[in-house]
């Protein structure tokens, strides 16, 4: 999942600049990343190509102060050093002609669903503080294998601690209530510095079984390497691409990096399509074939400007996040 943008506008996009030229965000060829030192009035030359991600954000609602968009998988929310133009933020800036657009919070590159984007620098801070203060109720849906220790409709409040470690794409997880230590090896170096553990709380509800096509994520699911293991034609006699899987509703009370993905993996049910949990399969920004079944389905808050309640719901289907949602 994402985290509140805070006031780090230089990172979240307020001061990011576009490369020379424009894009309508509809795909078609590689896009370029800009060199350092660019400014809004003096865009730098394109120095390296970016992979084309042929999926675009869908606008759910337009208000004077914000846009509500439905983010597709594979498209990063904001520039991240590797991708600058190939992001939700830059495609929206190009589409609307609004260079001040800035993501108020963020979703992981592989995660789909609702994203709030500020249009006005004068009111941006009010929306950022809303996320920082925990005044936004967020709901996600995800798919995993069918659990054997949960019943449909069962909910549990899951609290773990997460820590980011330099050089590791995933976060480490530990369950303090079990005192079982981190779920990833800490290493044997006695001089290893203490990790910055942060509490991550999520209400997890098992909705029940659903049948869906998961052919894109079958390779590697059952202990084989990616590109191997089970698939529609593997010859094991039982496989097909349409299978019964478990559907979950996740309601995070905190907004840590990879919170939902790490929490579900720690519970023993990694989200289908995850390239990092429980095993890091490597990063390939151009690979748009293995779809993470995790969708941010709802945002609820009282608008900080007019005080009126807002409820936004995604129509993106967690069983097929690549399908364009209709609004």
Protein backbone atom coordinates (compact mmCIF):
# COMPACT_ATOMS: atom_id res chain seq x y z
CA UNK A 1 0.00 0.00 0.00
CA UNK A 2 1.00 3.63 -0.06
CA UNK A 3 1.84 6.21 2.51
CA UNK A 4 0.95 9.83 3.03
CA UNK A 5 3.04 12.20 1.02
CA UNK A 6 3.69 14.63 3.83
CA UNK A 7 5.44 17.78 2.73
CA UNK A 8 8.17 16.07 0.69
CA UNK A 9 6.91 17.69 -2.49
CA UNK A 10 10.27 17.32 -4.20
CA UNK A 11 9.91 13.54 -3.96
CA UNK A 12 6.16 13.22 -4.48
CA UNK A 13 6.10 15.29 -7.63
CA UNK A 14 5.44 18.93 -6.83
CA UNK A 15 8.87 19.93 -8.12
CA UNK A 16 9.42 17.10 -10.58
CA UNK A 17 9.76 18.28 -14.14
CA UNK A 18 8.76 16.78 -17.43
CA UNK A 19 11.11 15.93 -20.24
CA UNK A 20 11.09 17.90 -23.44
CA UNK A 21 8.01 17.24 -25.49
CA UNK A 22 4.59 16.10 -24.38
CA UNK A 23 2.68 12.87 -24.05
CA UNK A 24 -1.00 12.12 -24.01
CA UNK A 25 -0.36 9.13 -21.75
CA UNK A 26 -1.77 6.68 -24.29
CA UNK A 27 1.40 4.65 -24.70
CA UNK A 28 3.25 4.10 -27.92
CA UNK A 29 7.01 3.77 -27.65
CA UNK A 30 9.54 4.41 -24.94
CA UNK A 31 9.50 7.59 -22.92
CA UNK A 32 12.63 9.33 -21.68
CA UNK A 33 13.85 10.16 -18.20
CA UNK A 34 15.22 13.65 -17.62
CA UNK A 35 18.70 14.49 -16.45
CA UNK A 36 19.19 16.08 -13.06
CA UNK A 37 19.07 19.83 -12.78
CA UNK A 38 15.88 20.34 -14.77
CA UNK A 39 13.45 23.03 -13.70
CA UNK A 40 9.80 23.58 -14.63
CA UNK A 41 10.81 26.36 -17.02
CA UNK A 42 13.94 24.67 -18.34
CA UNK A 43 13.28 20.98 -18.98
CA UNK A 44 16.42 18.94 -19.48
CA UNK A 45 17.14 16.74 -22.46
CA UNK A 46 16.04 13.13 -22.52
CA UNK A 47 18.93 10.89 -21.51
CA UNK A 48 17.57 7.35 -21.33
CA UNK A 49 14.45 5.53 -22.48
CA UNK A 50 11.77 4.36 -20.10
CA UNK A 51 9.74 1.19 -20.65
CA UNK A 52 6.32 1.76 -22.13
CA UNK A 53 3.53 0.87 -19.70
CA UNK A 54 0.39 0.57 -21.86
CA UNK A 55 -2.11 1.27 -19.09
CA UNK A 56 -3.46 4.66 -18.05
CA UNK A 57 -5.13 6.07 -14.93
CA UNK A 58 -8.88 6.51 -15.13
CA UNK A 59 -10.39 9.67 -13.69
CA UNK A 60 -13.11 8.86 -11.15
CA UNK A 61 -13.99 12.41 -10.08
CA UNK A 62 -12.84 15.98 -10.64
CA UNK A 63 -13.14 18.58 -7.90
CA UNK A 64 -11.70 22.06 -7.73
CA UNK A 65 -8.98 21.02 -5.29
CA UNK A 66 -8.39 17.36 -6.14
CA UNK A 67 -8.67 14.65 -8.74
CA UNK A 68 -9.67 11.12 -7.76
CA UNK A 69 -8.13 8.60 -10.13
CA UNK A 70 -8.12 4.83 -10.48
CA UNK A 71 -4.52 3.71 -10.94
CA UNK A 72 -3.72 0.65 -13.06
CA UNK A 73 -1.08 -1.89 -12.04
CA UNK A 74 2.53 -1.46 -13.21
CA UNK A 75 2.31 2.34 -13.49
CA UNK A 76 4.13 4.08 -10.61
CA UNK A 77 2.25 6.82 -8.78
CA UNK A 78 5.13 9.29 -8.86
CA UNK A 79 8.64 9.67 -10.29
CA UNK A 80 11.02 7.35 -8.48
CA UNK A 81 14.42 7.83 -10.07
CA UNK A 82 14.02 5.01 -12.57
CA UNK A 83 10.74 6.18 -14.06
CA UNK A 84 9.92 9.87 -14.46
CA UNK A 85 7.51 10.29 -17.36
CA UNK A 86 6.00 6.82 -17.13
CA UNK A 87 3.99 7.61 -14.01
CA UNK A 88 0.43 8.37 -13.04
CA UNK A 89 1.45 11.88 -12.04
CA UNK A 90 3.15 12.83 -15.30
CA UNK A 91 0.40 11.37 -17.47
CA UNK A 92 -2.19 13.36 -15.54
CA UNK A 93 -0.12 16.55 -15.81
CA UNK A 94 0.13 16.03 -19.56
CA UNK A 95 -3.56 15.21 -19.92
CA UNK A 96 -4.88 18.13 -17.88
CA UNK A 97 -2.12 20.64 -18.60
CA UNK A 98 -1.71 21.21 -14.85
CA UNK A 99 1.96 21.15 -13.80
CA UNK A 100 1.05 21.64 -10.12
CA UNK A 101 -0.68 18.27 -9.83
CA UNK A 102 0.79 16.29 -6.93
CA UNK A 103 -0.14 12.92 -5.45
CA UNK A 104 -1.41 13.36 -1.90
CA UNK A 105 -0.50 9.76 -1.05
CA UNK A 106 0.99 6.87 -2.98
CA UNK A 107 0.22 3.33 -4.10
CA UNK A 108 2.89 0.77 -4.85
CA UNK A 109 3.76 0.35 -8.52
CA UNK A 110 2.04 -3.04 -8.70
CA UNK A 111 -1.03 -2.02 -6.68
CA UNK A 112 -4.17 -0.79 -8.43
CA UNK A 113 -6.99 1.46 -7.29
CA UNK A 114 -7.92 4.83 -5.90
CA UNK A 115 -5.42 7.65 -5.67
CA UNK A 116 -6.04 11.24 -4.54
CA UNK A 117 -4.21 13.96 -6.49
CA UNK A 118 -3.97 17.61 -5.40
CA UNK A 119 -4.57 20.32 -8.00
CA UNK A 120 -3.88 23.39 -5.88
CA UNK A 121 -0.63 24.06 -3.98
CA UNK A 122 -2.53 26.37 -1.61
CA UNK A 123 -4.75 23.53 -0.31
CA UNK A 124 -2.41 20.58 -0.80
CA UNK A 125 -1.21 20.60 2.79
CA UNK A 126 -4.73 20.18 4.16
CA UNK A 127 -5.15 16.94 2.22
CA UNK A 128 -1.68 15.69 3.10
CA UNK A 129 -2.34 16.27 6.81
CA UNK A 130 -5.61 14.38 6.47
CA UNK A 131 -3.64 11.26 5.50
CA UNK A 132 -0.87 11.90 8.02
CA UNK A 133 -3.37 12.22 10.86
CA UNK A 134 -5.17 9.00 9.95
CA UNK A 135 -8.41 10.73 9.01
CA UNK A 136 -8.84 8.75 5.80
CA UNK A 137 -10.49 5.32 5.94
CA UNK A 138 -8.98 3.06 3.28
CA UNK A 139 -10.22 -0.30 2.07
CA UNK A 140 -8.43 -2.76 -0.19
CA UNK A 141 -9.29 -6.11 -1.72
CA UNK A 142 -6.83 -8.88 -2.53
CA UNK A 143 -6.66 -12.50 -3.63
CA UNK A 144 -4.56 -15.34 -2.23
CA UNK A 145 -4.76 -19.11 -2.17
CA UNK A 146 -7.79 -20.34 -0.22
CA UNK A 147 -6.93 -20.25 3.50
CA UNK A 148 -7.36 -23.33 5.65
CA UNK A 149 -7.49 -21.57 9.01
CA UNK A 150 -10.02 -18.79 8.30
CA UNK A 151 -13.77 -19.01 7.76
CA UNK A 152 -15.69 -16.75 5.35
CA UNK A 153 -16.64 -13.50 7.07
CA UNK A 154 -14.02 -13.87 9.79
CA UNK A 155 -12.10 -10.71 10.73
CA UNK A 156 -8.93 -10.30 12.74
CA UNK A 157 -7.01 -7.21 13.81
CA UNK A 158 -3.43 -7.95 12.80
CA UNK A 159 -0.58 -5.92 14.27
CA UNK A 160 2.99 -6.50 13.17
CA UNK A 161 6.16 -4.45 13.06
CA UNK A 162 7.91 -3.62 9.80
CA UNK A 163 11.42 -2.40 9.07
CA UNK A 164 13.07 -1.14 5.90
CA UNK A 165 16.61 -2.38 5.36
CA UNK A 166 19.05 -0.83 2.91
CA UNK A 167 19.60 -3.09 -0.09
CA UNK A 168 16.40 -5.08 0.38
CA UNK A 169 13.32 -4.44 -1.79
CA UNK A 170 10.99 -5.98 0.74
CA UNK A 171 10.44 -4.97 4.35
CA UNK A 172 11.21 -7.25 7.25
CA UNK A 173 8.34 -8.32 9.46
CA UNK A 174 8.05 -9.42 13.05
CA UNK A 175 5.05 -10.35 15.15
CA UNK A 176 5.62 -8.90 18.58
CA UNK A 177 2.67 -10.78 20.10
CA UNK A 178 4.40 -14.06 19.24
CA UNK A 179 7.91 -12.75 19.90
CA UNK A 180 8.97 -14.78 16.88
CA UNK A 181 11.50 -12.36 15.46
CA UNK A 182 11.59 -11.12 11.89
CA UNK A 183 10.18 -13.30 9.13
CA UNK A 184 13.27 -12.52 7.04
CA UNK A 185 16.74 -13.43 8.27
CA UNK A 186 18.40 -10.65 10.20
CA UNK A 187 21.89 -12.00 9.57
CA UNK A 188 24.62 -13.13 11.89
CA UNK A 189 26.60 -9.92 12.20
CA UNK A 190 26.53 -9.01 15.86
CA UNK A 191 27.33 -5.44 14.93
CA UNK A 192 24.27 -5.06 12.72
CA UNK A 193 22.54 -1.84 13.77
CA UNK A 194 19.14 -2.00 15.36
CA UNK A 195 16.38 -1.94 12.77
CA UNK A 196 13.82 0.89 12.72
CA UNK A 197 10.74 -1.17 13.52
CA UNK A 198 7.40 0.57 13.01
CA UNK A 199 3.98 -0.71 14.01
CA UNK A 200 1.60 -1.66 11.19
CA UNK A 201 -2.04 -2.37 12.02
CA UNK A 202 -4.58 -3.86 9.62
CA UNK A 203 -8.08 -5.26 9.99
CA UNK A 204 -8.08 -8.39 7.84
CA UNK A 205 -11.33 -10.02 6.73
CA UNK A 206 -11.58 -13.22 4.75
CA UNK A 207 -14.51 -12.63 2.39
CA UNK A 208 -14.63 -16.14 0.96
CA UNK A 209 -13.70 -18.22 -2.09
CA UNK A 210 -14.04 -16.94 -5.65
CA UNK A 211 -13.25 -18.54 -9.01
CA UNK A 212 -11.05 -16.62 -11.40
CA UNK A 213 -8.34 -16.98 -14.01
CA UNK A 214 -4.86 -16.78 -12.47
CA UNK A 215 -2.81 -18.16 -15.34
CA UNK A 216 -0.38 -15.26 -15.22
CA UNK A 217 0.68 -16.00 -11.64
CA UNK A 218 0.65 -19.80 -11.63
CA UNK A 219 4.33 -20.14 -12.63
CA UNK A 220 6.33 -20.17 -9.43
CA UNK A 221 3.34 -20.42 -7.09
CA UNK A 222 3.98 -23.97 -5.90
CA UNK A 223 7.64 -23.96 -5.17
CA UNK A 224 8.94 -23.78 -8.73
CA UNK A 225 10.89 -21.00 -10.25
CA UNK A 226 9.16 -18.24 -12.16
CA UNK A 227 8.54 -19.51 -15.65
CA UNK A 228 8.19 -23.08 -14.37
CA UNK A 229 6.01 -24.99 -11.89
CA UNK A 230 2.31 -25.26 -12.58
CA UNK A 231 0.49 -23.74 -15.53
CA UNK A 232 -2.47 -24.46 -17.76
CA UNK A 233 -0.55 -27.02 -19.82
CA UNK A 234 1.93 -28.35 -17.28
CA UNK A 235 0.57 -31.90 -17.60
CA UNK A 236 -0.01 -32.52 -13.91
CA UNK A 237 -3.59 -33.48 -14.64
CA UNK A 238 -5.20 -31.01 -12.25
CA UNK A 239 -4.08 -27.57 -13.40
CA UNK A 240 -6.06 -25.05 -15.34
CA UNK A 241 -5.87 -21.30 -15.38
CA UNK A 242 -9.27 -20.85 -13.73
CA UNK A 243 -9.09 -21.75 -10.06
CA UNK A 244 -10.79 -21.13 -6.75
CA UNK A 245 -8.89 -18.60 -4.68
CA UNK A 246 -9.48 -16.65 -1.49
CA UNK A 247 -10.78 -13.09 -1.51
CA UNK A 248 -9.92 -10.71 1.34
CA UNK A 249 -10.85 -7.22 2.53
CA UNK A 250 -8.03 -5.23 4.12
CA UNK A 251 -8.52 -2.06 6.17
CA UNK A 252 -5.18 -0.57 7.22
CA UNK A 253 -5.07 1.70 10.25
CA UNK A 254 -1.51 2.75 9.41
CA UNK A 255 0.21 3.51 6.12
CA UNK A 256 3.56 1.73 6.07
CA UNK A 257 5.53 0.80 2.99
CA UNK A 258 4.36 -2.61 1.67
CA UNK A 259 2.18 -2.97 4.76
CA UNK A 260 -0.57 -5.08 3.21
CA UNK A 261 1.68 -7.23 1.06
CA UNK A 262 4.04 -7.96 3.95
CA UNK A 263 1.22 -8.59 6.41
CA UNK A 264 -0.55 -11.10 4.16
CA UNK A 265 2.71 -12.91 3.46
CA UNK A 266 3.45 -13.02 7.19
CA UNK A 267 0.03 -14.59 7.76
CA UNK A 268 0.99 -17.32 5.31
CA UNK A 269 -1.11 -16.06 2.41
CA UNK A 270 0.99 -13.90 0.08
CA UNK A 271 -1.06 -11.92 -2.41
CA UNK A 272 -1.27 -13.48 -5.84
CA UNK A 273 1.13 -11.84 -8.27
CA UNK A 274 3.48 -10.43 -5.64
CA UNK A 275 7.06 -10.22 -6.92
CA UNK A 276 8.61 -9.51 -3.52
CA UNK A 277 6.79 -11.54 -0.85
CA UNK A 278 7.56 -14.14 0.26
CA UNK A 279 10.40 -14.33 -2.30
CA UNK A 280 12.04 -11.52 -4.24
CA UNK A 281 11.66 -12.48 -7.90
CA UNK A 282 13.66 -9.50 -9.09
CA UNK A 283 12.66 -6.14 -10.52
CA UNK A 284 11.71 -5.80 -14.18
CA UNK A 285 9.97 -2.49 -14.81
CA UNK A 286 9.05 -3.51 -18.36
CA UNK A 287 7.32 -6.75 -17.33
CA UNK A 288 3.55 -6.18 -17.35
CA UNK A 289 2.50 -9.83 -17.35
CA UNK A 290 2.34 -10.86 -13.69
CA UNK A 291 -0.53 -8.89 -12.13
CA UNK A 292 -0.71 -8.23 -8.39
CA UNK A 293 -4.23 -8.96 -7.15
CA UNK A 294 -4.40 -5.99 -4.78
CA UNK A 295 -6.79 -3.08 -5.37
CA UNK A 296 -7.45 0.04 -3.30
CA UNK A 297 -11.23 -0.09 -3.50
CA UNK A 298 -12.45 2.73 -1.24
CA UNK A 299 -11.45 6.07 0.27
CA UNK A 300 -13.60 7.78 2.91
CA UNK A 301 -12.95 11.13 4.59
CA UNK A 302 -14.45 14.45 5.55
CA UNK A 303 -13.16 16.98 3.06
CA UNK A 304 -10.77 19.38 4.84
CA UNK A 305 -12.05 22.37 2.86
CA UNK A 306 -15.83 22.12 3.11
CA UNK A 307 -16.19 19.53 5.90
CA UNK A 308 -18.53 17.36 3.82
CA UNK A 309 -18.07 13.58 3.78
CA UNK A 310 -16.58 11.98 0.70
CA UNK A 311 -16.75 8.33 -0.26
CA UNK A 312 -14.99 7.17 -3.41
CA UNK A 313 -15.24 3.58 -4.63
CA UNK A 314 -13.28 1.85 -7.33
CA UNK A 315 -15.09 -0.31 -9.86
CA UNK A 316 -11.83 -2.11 -10.73
CA UNK A 317 -12.25 -5.87 -10.32
CA UNK A 318 -9.63 -7.48 -8.08
CA UNK A 319 -9.96 -10.69 -10.09
CA UNK A 320 -8.84 -8.80 -13.22
CA UNK A 321 -7.09 -5.54 -12.28
CA UNK A 322 -5.97 -4.89 -15.85
CA UNK A 323 -9.54 -4.56 -17.11
CA UNK A 324 -10.53 -0.91 -17.49
CA UNK A 325 -13.03 0.09 -14.78
CA UNK A 326 -16.21 1.85 -15.86
CA UNK A 327 -17.47 5.05 -14.22
